[in-house]
PDB file of all heavy atoms in Angstrom:
ATOM      1  N   ALA A   1       0.823  -1.213   0.000  1.00  0.00           N
ATOM      2  CA  ALA A   1       0.000   0.000   0.000  1.00  0.00           C
ATOM      3  C   ALA A   1       0.858   1.265   0.000  1.00  0.00           C
ATOM      4  O   ALA A   1       0.335   2.363  -0.203  1.00  0.00           O
ATOM      5  CB  ALA A   1      -0.925   0.001   1.215  1.00  0.00           C
ATOM      6  N   LEU A   2       2.159   1.131   0.201  1.00  0.00           N
ATOM      7  CA  LEU A   2       3.061   2.285   0.281  1.00  0.00           C
ATOM      8  C   LEU A   2       3.618   2.628  -1.098  1.00  0.00           C
ATOM      9  O   LEU A   2       3.962   1.732  -1.873  1.00  0.00           O
ATOM     10  CB  LEU A   2       4.197   1.979   1.262  1.00  0.00           C
ATOM     11  CG  LEU A   2       3.721   1.704   2.692  1.00  0.00           C
ATOM     12  CD1 LEU A   2       4.843   1.116   3.531  1.00  0.00           C
ATOM     13  CD2 LEU A   2       3.177   2.975   3.325  1.00  0.00           C
ATOM     14  N   PRO A   3       3.733   3.930  -1.413  1.00  0.00           N
ATOM     15  CA  PRO A   3       4.182   4.355  -2.743  1.00  0.00           C
ATOM     16  C   PRO A   3       5.581   3.849  -3.097  1.00  0.00           C
ATOM     17  O   PRO A   3       6.481   3.871  -2.263  1.00  0.00           O
ATOM     18  CB  PRO A   3       4.190   5.887  -2.666  1.00  0.00           C
ATOM     19  CG  PRO A   3       3.481   6.253  -1.423  1.00  0.00           C
ATOM     20  CD  PRO A   3       3.459   5.055  -0.530  1.00  0.00           C
ATOM     21  N   GLY A   4       5.728   3.397  -4.330  1.00  0.00           N
ATOM     22  CA  GLY A   4       7.037   3.011  -4.843  1.00  0.00           C
ATOM     23  C   GLY A   4       7.562   1.676  -4.361  1.00  0.00           C
ATOM     24  O   GLY A   4       8.723   1.348  -4.586  1.00  0.00           O
ATOM     25  N   THR A   5       6.722   0.885  -3.713  1.00  0.00           N
ATOM     26  CA  THR A   5       7.162  -0.401  -3.178  1.00  0.00           C
ATOM     27  C   THR A   5       7.193  -1.459  -4.271  1.00  0.00           C
ATOM     28  O   THR A   5       6.271  -1.556  -5.074  1.00  0.00           O
ATOM     29  CB  THR A   5       6.221  -0.876  -2.055  1.00  0.00           C
ATOM     30  OG1 THR A   5       6.297   0.046  -0.974  1.00  0.00           O
ATOM     31  CG2 THR A   5       6.590  -2.255  -1.555  1.00  0.00           C
ATOM     32  N   ASP A   6       8.271  -2.228  -4.295  1.00  0.00           N
ATOM     33  CA  ASP A   6       8.306  -3.423  -5.128  1.00  0.00           C
ATOM     34  C   ASP A   6       8.831  -4.566  -4.278  1.00  0.00           C
ATOM     35  O   ASP A   6       9.361  -4.358  -3.187  1.00  0.00           O
ATOM     36  CB  ASP A   6       9.127  -3.232  -6.397  1.00  0.00           C
ATOM     37  CG  ASP A   6      10.599  -2.949  -6.136  1.00  0.00           C
ATOM     38  OD1 ASP A   6      11.005  -2.877  -4.967  1.00  0.00           O
ATOM     39  OD2 ASP A   6      11.342  -2.792  -7.107  1.00  0.00           O
ATOM     40  N   HIS A   7       8.628  -5.785  -4.760  1.00  0.00           N
ATOM     41  CA  HIS A   7       9.105  -6.919  -3.976  1.00  0.00           C
ATOM     42  C   HIS A   7       9.447  -8.084  -4.882  1.00  0.00           C
ATOM     43  O   HIS A   7       9.064  -8.142  -6.042  1.00  0.00           O
ATOM     44  CB  HIS A   7       8.085  -7.325  -2.898  1.00  0.00           C
ATOM     45  CG  HIS A   7       6.874  -8.026  -3.424  1.00  0.00           C
ATOM     46  ND1 HIS A   7       6.687  -9.382  -3.279  1.00  0.00           N
ATOM     47  CD2 HIS A   7       5.809  -7.564  -4.087  1.00  0.00           C
ATOM     48  CE1 HIS A   7       5.541  -9.710  -3.839  1.00  0.00           C
ATOM     49  NE2 HIS A   7       4.988  -8.621  -4.325  1.00  0.00           N
ATOM     50  N   GLY A   8      10.240  -8.987  -4.319  1.00  0.00           N
ATOM     51  CA  GLY A   8      10.666 -10.170  -5.044  1.00  0.00           C
ATOM     52  C   GLY A   8      11.440 -11.084  -4.112  1.00  0.00           C
ATOM     53  O   GLY A   8      11.430 -10.891  -2.895  1.00  0.00           O
ATOM     54  N   TYR A   9      12.100 -12.061  -4.714  1.00  0.00           N
ATOM     55  CA  TYR A   9      12.819 -13.084  -3.943  1.00  0.00           C
ATOM     56  C   TYR A   9      14.290 -13.118  -4.366  1.00  0.00           C
ATOM     57  O   TYR A   9      14.756 -14.097  -4.938  1.00  0.00           O
ATOM     58  CB  TYR A   9      12.162 -14.454  -4.182  1.00  0.00           C
ATOM     59  CG  TYR A   9      10.735 -14.512  -3.689  1.00  0.00           C
ATOM     60  CD1 TYR A   9       9.682 -14.019  -4.453  1.00  0.00           C
ATOM     61  CD2 TYR A   9      10.447 -15.048  -2.442  1.00  0.00           C
ATOM     62  CE1 TYR A   9       8.373 -14.067  -3.991  1.00  0.00           C
ATOM     63  CE2 TYR A   9       9.144 -15.094  -1.966  1.00  0.00           C
ATOM     64  CZ  TYR A   9       8.117 -14.602  -2.750  1.00  0.00           C
ATOM     65  OH  TYR A   9       6.832 -14.645  -2.281  1.00  0.00           O
ATOM     66  N   PRO A  10      15.046 -12.050  -4.072  1.00  0.00           N
ATOM     67  CA  PRO A  10      16.432 -11.991  -4.551  1.00  0.00           C
ATOM     68  C   PRO A  10      17.395 -12.940  -3.827  1.00  0.00           C
ATOM     69  O   PRO A  10      18.451 -13.260  -4.357  1.00  0.00           O
ATOM     70  CB  PRO A  10      16.837 -10.536  -4.300  1.00  0.00           C
ATOM     71  CG  PRO A  10      15.974 -10.119  -3.151  1.00  0.00           C
ATOM     72  CD  PRO A  10      14.674 -10.846  -3.340  1.00  0.00           C
ATOM     73  N   PHE A  11      17.063 -13.379  -2.619  1.00  0.00           N
ATOM     74  CA  PHE A  11      17.983 -14.189  -1.827  1.00  0.00           C
ATOM     75  C   PHE A  11      17.639 -15.673  -1.884  1.00  0.00           C
ATOM     76  O   PHE A  11      18.498 -16.505  -2.105  1.00  0.00           O
ATOM     77  CB  PHE A  11      18.015 -13.731  -0.367  1.00  0.00           C
ATOM     78  CG  PHE A  11      18.286 -12.260  -0.202  1.00  0.00           C
ATOM     79  CD1 PHE A  11      17.414 -11.452   0.498  1.00  0.00           C
ATOM     80  CD2 PHE A  11      19.410 -11.672  -0.763  1.00  0.00           C
ATOM     81  CE1 PHE A  11      17.649 -10.088   0.646  1.00  0.00           C
ATOM     82  CE2 PHE A  11      19.657 -10.313  -0.624  1.00  0.00           C
ATOM     83  CZ  PHE A  11      18.771  -9.522   0.080  1.00  0.00           C
ATOM     84  N   THR A  12      16.371 -15.993  -1.649  1.00  0.00           N
ATOM     85  CA  THR A  12      15.898 -17.365  -1.636  1.00  0.00           C
ATOM     86  C   THR A  12      14.394 -17.350  -1.853  1.00  0.00           C
ATOM     87  O   THR A  12      13.738 -16.338  -1.594  1.00  0.00           O
ATOM     88  CB  THR A  12      16.245 -18.078  -0.314  1.00  0.00           C
ATOM     89  OG1 THR A  12      15.603 -19.353  -0.281  1.00  0.00           O
ATOM     90  CG2 THR A  12      15.812 -17.296   0.892  1.00  0.00           C
ATOM     91  N   GLN A  13      13.838 -18.459  -2.269  1.00  0.00           N
ATOM     92  CA  GLN A  13      12.396 -18.510  -2.546  1.00  0.00           C
ATOM     93  C   GLN A  13      11.544 -18.361  -1.293  1.00  0.00           C
ATOM     94  O   GLN A  13      10.345 -18.164  -1.379  1.00  0.00           O
ATOM     95  CB  GLN A  13      12.046 -19.802  -3.254  1.00  0.00           C
ATOM     96  CG  GLN A  13      12.243 -21.042  -2.407  1.00  0.00           C
ATOM     97  CD  GLN A  13      11.909 -22.322  -3.172  1.00  0.00           C
ATOM     98  OE1 GLN A  13      11.508 -22.276  -4.326  1.00  0.00           O
ATOM     99  NE2 GLN A  13      12.078 -23.450  -2.514  1.00  0.00           N
ATOM    100  N   HIS A  14      12.147 -18.427  -0.116  1.00  0.00           N
ATOM    101  CA  HIS A  14      11.379 -18.326   1.130  1.00  0.00           C
ATOM    102  C   HIS A  14      11.476 -16.967   1.808  1.00  0.00           C
ATOM    103  O   HIS A  14      10.936 -16.784   2.894  1.00  0.00           O
ATOM    104  CB  HIS A  14      11.796 -19.422   2.109  1.00  0.00           C
ATOM    105  CG  HIS A  14      11.531 -20.796   1.571  1.00  0.00           C
ATOM    106  ND1 HIS A  14      10.261 -21.275   1.343  1.00  0.00           N
ATOM    107  CD2 HIS A  14      12.375 -21.769   1.182  1.00  0.00           C
ATOM    108  CE1 HIS A  14      10.344 -22.499   0.853  1.00  0.00           C
ATOM    109  NE2 HIS A  14      11.605 -22.814   0.735  1.00  0.00           N
ATOM    110  N   LEU A  15      12.179 -16.020   1.188  1.00  0.00           N
ATOM    111  CA  LEU A  15      12.285 -14.673   1.754  1.00  0.00           C
ATOM    112  C   LEU A  15      11.770 -13.666   0.733  1.00  0.00           C
ATOM    113  O   LEU A  15      12.410 -13.399  -0.272  1.00  0.00           O
ATOM    114  CB  LEU A  15      13.734 -14.333   2.115  1.00  0.00           C
ATOM    115  CG  LEU A  15      14.376 -15.131   3.233  1.00  0.00           C
ATOM    116  CD1 LEU A  15      15.828 -14.693   3.428  1.00  0.00           C
ATOM    117  CD2 LEU A  15      13.596 -15.001   4.525  1.00  0.00           C
ATOM    118  N   ASP A  16      10.584 -13.115   1.002  1.00  0.00           N
ATOM    119  CA  ASP A  16       9.972 -12.106   0.147  1.00  0.00           C
ATOM    120  C   ASP A  16      10.494 -10.751   0.620  1.00  0.00           C
ATOM    121  O   ASP A  16      10.230 -10.339   1.751  1.00  0.00           O
ATOM    122  CB  ASP A  16       8.455 -12.199   0.276  1.00  0.00           C
ATOM    123  CG  ASP A  16       7.705 -11.414  -0.791  1.00  0.00           C
ATOM    124  OD1 ASP A  16       8.356 -10.832  -1.679  1.00  0.00           O
ATOM    125  OD2 ASP A  16       6.468 -11.389  -0.717  1.00  0.00           O
ATOM    126  N   VAL A  17      11.253 -10.067  -0.235  1.00  0.00           N
ATOM    127  CA  VAL A  17      11.936  -8.833   0.136  1.00  0.00           C
ATOM    128  C   VAL A  17      11.213  -7.633  -0.482  1.00  0.00           C
ATOM    129  O   VAL A  17      10.999  -7.588  -1.695  1.00  0.00           O
ATOM    130  CB  VAL A  17      13.412  -8.879  -0.333  1.00  0.00           C
ATOM    131  CG1 VAL A  17      14.122  -7.576   0.001  1.00  0.00           C
ATOM    132  CG2 VAL A  17      14.121 -10.069   0.302  1.00  0.00           C
ATOM    133  N   TYR A  18      10.855  -6.677   0.367  1.00  0.00           N
ATOM    134  CA  TYR A  18      10.158  -5.462  -0.068  1.00  0.00           C
ATOM    135  C   TYR A  18      11.145  -4.303  -0.031  1.00  0.00           C
ATOM    136  O   TYR A  18      11.859  -4.115   0.956  1.00  0.00           O
ATOM    137  CB  TYR A  18       8.968  -5.172   0.843  1.00  0.00           C
ATOM    138  CG  TYR A  18       7.868  -6.199   0.703  1.00  0.00           C
ATOM    139  CD1 TYR A  18       7.997  -7.458   1.277  1.00  0.00           C
ATOM    140  CD2 TYR A  18       6.716  -5.920  -0.017  1.00  0.00           C
ATOM    141  CE1 TYR A  18       6.997  -8.407   1.134  1.00  0.00           C
ATOM    142  CE2 TYR A  18       5.710  -6.853  -0.162  1.00  0.00           C
ATOM    143  CZ  TYR A  18       5.857  -8.101   0.412  1.00  0.00           C
ATOM    144  OH  TYR A  18       4.874  -9.045   0.268  1.00  0.00           O
ATOM    145  N   LYS A  19      11.132  -3.503  -1.122  1.00  0.00           N
ATOM    146  CA  LYS A  19      12.063  -2.383  -1.252  1.00  0.00           C
ATOM    147  C   LYS A  19      11.336  -1.133  -1.718  1.00  0.00           C
ATOM    148  O   LYS A  19      10.293  -1.214  -2.360  1.00  0.00           O
ATOM    149  CB  LYS A  19      13.126  -2.706  -2.311  1.00  0.00           C
ATOM    150  CG  LYS A  19      14.003  -3.891  -2.004  1.00  0.00           C
ATOM    151  CD  LYS A  19      14.976  -4.123  -3.138  1.00  0.00           C
ATOM    152  CE  LYS A  19      15.873  -5.313  -2.883  1.00  0.00           C
ATOM    153  NZ  LYS A  19      16.832  -5.500  -3.979  1.00  0.00           N
ATOM    154  N   VAL A  20      11.954   0.003  -1.412  1.00  0.00           N
ATOM    155  CA  VAL A  20      11.551   1.281  -1.978  1.00  0.00           C
ATOM    156  C   VAL A  20      12.823   1.897  -2.552  1.00  0.00           C
ATOM    157  O   VAL A  20      13.834   1.998  -1.853  1.00  0.00           O
ATOM    158  CB  VAL A  20      10.862   2.212  -0.947  1.00  0.00           C
ATOM    159  CG1 VAL A  20      11.733   2.493   0.258  1.00  0.00           C
ATOM    160  CG2 VAL A  20      10.386   3.493  -1.608  1.00  0.00           C
ATOM    161  N   ALA A  21      12.789   2.250  -3.836  1.00  0.00           N
ATOM    162  CA  ALA A  21      13.960   2.803  -4.537  1.00  0.00           C
ATOM    163  C   ALA A  21      15.215   1.968  -4.276  1.00  0.00           C
ATOM    164  O   ALA A  21      16.295   2.494  -4.047  1.00  0.00           O
ATOM    165  CB  ALA A  21      14.178   4.262  -4.156  1.00  0.00           C
ATOM    166  N   GLY A  22      15.056   0.654  -4.279  1.00  0.00           N
ATOM    167  CA  GLY A  22      16.191  -0.248  -4.109  1.00  0.00           C
ATOM    168  C   GLY A  22      16.625  -0.486  -2.677  1.00  0.00           C
ATOM    169  O   GLY A  22      17.537  -1.269  -2.425  1.00  0.00           O
ATOM    170  N   LYS A  23      15.985   0.172  -1.723  1.00  0.00           N
ATOM    171  CA  LYS A  23      16.338   0.011  -0.306  1.00  0.00           C
ATOM    172  C   LYS A  23      15.363  -0.947   0.379  1.00  0.00           C
ATOM    173  O   LYS A  23      14.146  -0.734   0.355  1.00  0.00           O
ATOM    174  CB  LYS A  23      16.302   1.356   0.432  1.00  0.00           C
ATOM    175  CG  LYS A  23      17.293   2.373  -0.098  1.00  0.00           C
ATOM    176  CD  LYS A  23      18.696   1.977   0.238  1.00  0.00           C
ATOM    177  CE  LYS A  23      19.662   3.052  -0.215  1.00  0.00           C
ATOM    178  NZ  LYS A  23      21.030   2.609  -0.150  1.00  0.00           N
ATOM    179  N   VAL A  24      15.905  -1.975   1.003  1.00  0.00           N
ATOM    180  CA  VAL A  24      15.091  -2.968   1.694  1.00  0.00           C
ATOM    181  C   VAL A  24      14.473  -2.339   2.951  1.00  0.00           C
ATOM    182  O   VAL A  24      15.161  -1.682   3.718  1.00  0.00           O
ATOM    183  CB  VAL A  24      15.934  -4.194   2.098  1.00  0.00           C
ATOM    184  CG1 VAL A  24      15.128  -5.171   2.946  1.00  0.00           C
ATOM    185  CG2 VAL A  24      16.503  -4.883   0.871  1.00  0.00           C
ATOM    186  N   PHE A  25      13.165  -2.578   3.141  1.00  0.00           N
ATOM    187  CA  PHE A  25      12.530  -2.135   4.384  1.00  0.00           C
ATOM    188  C   PHE A  25      11.720  -3.246   5.053  1.00  0.00           C
ATOM    189  O   PHE A  25      11.290  -3.091   6.192  1.00  0.00           O
ATOM    190  CB  PHE A  25      11.676  -0.876   4.177  1.00  0.00           C
ATOM    191  CG  PHE A  25      10.415  -1.061   3.379  1.00  0.00           C
ATOM    192  CD1 PHE A  25       9.211  -1.349   4.006  1.00  0.00           C
ATOM    193  CD2 PHE A  25      10.436  -0.943   1.995  1.00  0.00           C
ATOM    194  CE1 PHE A  25       8.050  -1.506   3.271  1.00  0.00           C
ATOM    195  CE2 PHE A  25       9.282  -1.096   1.251  1.00  0.00           C
ATOM    196  CZ  PHE A  25       8.082  -1.385   1.893  1.00  0.00           C
ATOM    197  N   LEU A  26      11.527  -4.371   4.376  1.00  0.00           N
ATOM    198  CA  LEU A  26      10.757  -5.468   4.946  1.00  0.00           C
ATOM    199  C   LEU A  26      11.205  -6.780   4.328  1.00  0.00           C
ATOM    200  O   LEU A  26      11.366  -6.865   3.112  1.00  0.00           O
ATOM    201  CB  LEU A  26       9.255  -5.272   4.667  1.00  0.00           C
ATOM    202  CG  LEU A  26       8.315  -6.441   4.968  1.00  0.00           C
ATOM    203  CD1 LEU A  26       8.275  -6.754   6.466  1.00  0.00           C
ATOM    204  CD2 LEU A  26       6.910  -6.139   4.443  1.00  0.00           C
ATOM    205  N   ILE A  27      11.419  -7.771   5.179  1.00  0.00           N
ATOM    206  CA  ILE A  27      11.671  -9.131   4.714  1.00  0.00           C
ATOM    207  C   ILE A  27      10.613 -10.017   5.360  1.00  0.00           C
ATOM    208  O   ILE A  27      10.444 -10.013   6.577  1.00  0.00           O
ATOM    209  CB  ILE A  27      13.077  -9.616   5.095  1.00  0.00           C
ATOM    210  CG1 ILE A  27      14.134  -8.736   4.422  1.00  0.00           C
ATOM    211  CG2 ILE A  27      13.268 -11.088   4.692  1.00  0.00           C
ATOM    212  CD1 ILE A  27      15.556  -9.049   4.839  1.00  0.00           C
ATOM    213  N   VAL A  28       9.900 -10.736   4.522  1.00  0.00           N
ATOM    214  CA  VAL A  28       8.842 -11.633   4.988  1.00  0.00           C
ATOM    215  C   VAL A  28       9.308 -13.070   4.775  1.00  0.00           C
ATOM    216  O   VAL A  28       9.635 -13.467   3.664  1.00  0.00           O
ATOM    217  CB  VAL A  28       7.530 -11.388   4.211  1.00  0.00           C
ATOM    218  CG1 VAL A  28       6.465 -12.404   4.634  1.00  0.00           C
ATOM    219  CG2 VAL A  28       7.029  -9.968   4.435  1.00  0.00           C
ATOM    220  N   THR A  29       9.348 -13.824   5.858  1.00  0.00           N
ATOM    221  CA  THR A  29       9.668 -15.241   5.762  1.00  0.00           C
ATOM    222  C   THR A  29       8.410 -15.937   5.267  1.00  0.00           C
ATOM    223  O   THR A  29       7.406 -15.984   5.967  1.00  0.00           O
ATOM    224  CB  THR A  29      10.097 -15.797   7.130  1.00  0.00           C
ATOM    225  OG1 THR A  29      11.208 -15.039   7.579  1.00  0.00           O
ATOM    226  CG2 THR A  29      10.486 -17.251   7.040  1.00  0.00           C
ATOM    227  N   ASP A  30       8.464 -16.418   4.052  1.00  0.00           N
ATOM    228  CA  ASP A  30       7.299 -17.012   3.398  1.00  0.00           C
ATOM    229  C   ASP A  30       7.206 -18.497   3.737  1.00  0.00           C
ATOM    230  O   ASP A  30       7.454 -19.362   2.913  1.00  0.00           O
ATOM    231  CB  ASP A  30       7.413 -16.800   1.888  1.00  0.00           C
ATOM    232  CG  ASP A  30       6.127 -17.104   1.159  1.00  0.00           C
ATOM    233  OD1 ASP A  30       5.080 -17.205   1.821  1.00  0.00           O
ATOM    234  OD2 ASP A  30       6.170 -17.239  -0.078  1.00  0.00           O
ATOM    235  N   ASP A  31       6.889 -18.756   4.997  1.00  0.00           N
ATOM    236  CA  ASP A  31       6.830 -20.126   5.496  1.00  0.00           C
ATOM    237  C   ASP A  31       5.722 -20.179   6.548  1.00  0.00           C
ATOM    238  O   ASP A  31       5.806 -19.493   7.568  1.00  0.00           O
ATOM    239  CB  ASP A  31       8.181 -20.492   6.112  1.00  0.00           C
ATOM    240  CG  ASP A  31       8.229 -21.889   6.681  1.00  0.00           C
ATOM    241  OD1 ASP A  31       7.171 -22.526   6.855  1.00  0.00           O
ATOM    242  OD2 ASP A  31       9.343 -22.348   6.982  1.00  0.00           O
ATOM    243  N   PRO A  32       4.674 -20.992   6.328  1.00  0.00           N
ATOM    244  CA  PRO A  32       3.562 -21.019   7.285  1.00  0.00           C
ATOM    245  C   PRO A  32       3.965 -21.513   8.675  1.00  0.00           C
ATOM    246  O   PRO A  32       3.308 -21.195   9.659  1.00  0.00           O
ATOM    247  CB  PRO A  32       2.548 -21.966   6.646  1.00  0.00           C
ATOM    248  CG  PRO A  32       3.278 -22.706   5.595  1.00  0.00           C
ATOM    249  CD  PRO A  32       4.474 -21.882   5.209  1.00  0.00           C
ATOM    250  N   ASP A  33       5.051 -22.263   8.770  1.00  0.00           N
ATOM    251  CA  ASP A  33       5.497 -22.766  10.068  1.00  0.00           C
ATOM    252  C   ASP A  33       6.401 -21.789  10.803  1.00  0.00           C
ATOM    253  O   ASP A  33       6.747 -22.009  11.962  1.00  0.00           O
ATOM    254  CB  ASP A  33       6.230 -24.099   9.891  1.00  0.00           C
ATOM    255  CG  ASP A  33       5.303 -25.172   9.348  1.00  0.00           C
ATOM    256  OD1 ASP A  33       4.101 -25.159   9.701  1.00  0.00           O
ATOM    257  OD2 ASP A  33       5.776 -26.005   8.558  1.00  0.00           O
ATOM    258  N   GLU A  34       6.835 -20.753  10.128  1.00  0.00           N
ATOM    259  CA  GLU A  34       7.739 -19.772  10.731  1.00  0.00           C
ATOM    260  C   GLU A  34       7.283 -18.382  10.316  1.00  0.00           C
ATOM    261  O   GLU A  34       7.813 -17.778   9.401  1.00  0.00           O
ATOM    262  CB  GLU A  34       9.175 -20.029  10.264  1.00  0.00           C
ATOM    263  CG  GLU A  34      10.179 -19.163  10.963  1.00  0.00           C
ATOM    264  CD  GLU A  34      11.605 -19.461  10.524  1.00  0.00           C
ATOM    265  OE1 GLU A  34      11.841 -19.755   9.349  1.00  0.00           O
ATOM    266  OE2 GLU A  34      12.474 -19.368  11.393  1.00  0.00           O
ATOM    267  N   GLN A  35       6.264 -17.883  11.003  1.00  0.00           N
ATOM    268  CA  GLN A  35       5.715 -16.572  10.668  1.00  0.00           C
ATOM    269  C   GLN A  35       6.590 -15.480  11.257  1.00  0.00           C
ATOM    270  O   GLN A  35       6.416 -15.095  12.415  1.00  0.00           O
ATOM    271  CB  GLN A  35       4.291 -16.446  11.197  1.00  0.00           C
ATOM    272  CG  GLN A  35       3.301 -17.332  10.513  1.00  0.00           C
ATOM    273  CD  GLN A  35       1.894 -16.940  10.900  1.00  0.00           C
ATOM    274  OE1 GLN A  35       1.533 -15.761  10.877  1.00  0.00           O
ATOM    275  NE2 GLN A  35       1.088 -17.918  11.259  1.00  0.00           N
ATOM    276  N   ILE A  36       7.515 -14.986  10.457  1.00  0.00           N
ATOM    277  CA  ILE A  36       8.410 -13.925  10.918  1.00  0.00           C
ATOM    278  C   ILE A  36       8.503 -12.858   9.840  1.00  0.00           C
ATOM    279  O   ILE A  36       8.597 -13.159   8.654  1.00  0.00           O
ATOM    280  CB  ILE A  36       9.820 -14.482  11.205  1.00  0.00           C
ATOM    281  CG1 ILE A  36       9.785 -15.452  12.377  1.00  0.00           C
ATOM    282  CG2 ILE A  36      10.804 -13.349  11.498  1.00  0.00           C
ATOM    283  CD1 ILE A  36      11.095 -16.159  12.614  1.00  0.00           C
ATOM    284  N   ILE A  37       8.459 -11.601  10.279  1.00  0.00           N
ATOM    285  CA  ILE A  37       8.788 -10.484   9.401  1.00  0.00           C
ATOM    286  C   ILE A  37       9.945  -9.734  10.050  1.00  0.00           C
ATOM    287  O   ILE A  37      10.094  -9.729  11.271  1.00  0.00           O
ATOM    288  CB  ILE A  37       7.595  -9.543   9.158  1.00  0.00           C
ATOM    289  CG1 ILE A  37       7.170  -8.840  10.450  1.00  0.00           C
ATOM    290  CG2 ILE A  37       6.434 -10.294   8.520  1.00  0.00           C
ATOM    291  CD1 ILE A  37       6.299  -7.617  10.246  1.00  0.00           C
ATOM    292  N   THR A  38      10.774  -9.121   9.226  1.00  0.00           N
ATOM    293  CA  THR A  38      11.909  -8.349   9.719  1.00  0.00           C
ATOM    294  C   THR A  38      11.824  -6.951   9.125  1.00  0.00           C
ATOM    295  O   THR A  38      11.640  -6.800   7.917  1.00  0.00           O
ATOM    296  CB  THR A  38      13.235  -9.043   9.346  1.00  0.00           C
ATOM    297  OG1 THR A  38      13.235 -10.366   9.903  1.00  0.00           O
ATOM    298  CG2 THR A  38      14.435  -8.279   9.881  1.00  0.00           C
ATOM    299  N   VAL A  39      11.924  -5.937  10.001  1.00  0.00           N
ATOM    300  CA  VAL A  39      11.782  -4.536   9.596  1.00  0.00           C
ATOM    301  C   VAL A  39      12.903  -3.688  10.183  1.00  0.00           C
ATOM    302  O   VAL A  39      13.474  -4.021  11.218  1.00  0.00           O
ATOM    303  CB  VAL A  39      10.419  -3.952  10.055  1.00  0.00           C
ATOM    304  CG1 VAL A  39       9.264  -4.618   9.346  1.00  0.00           C
ATOM    305  CG2 VAL A  39      10.248  -4.046  11.558  1.00  0.00           C
TER     306      VAL A  39
END
């Protein structure tokens, strides 16, 4: 919902990385058994 946000899986298929202008601001562990986000 934030302007200019894009995301993808640059490190591994289980880490969804959110960036703004190339700067990481959120990493989502895409694993139902390990619900963790890093900010």
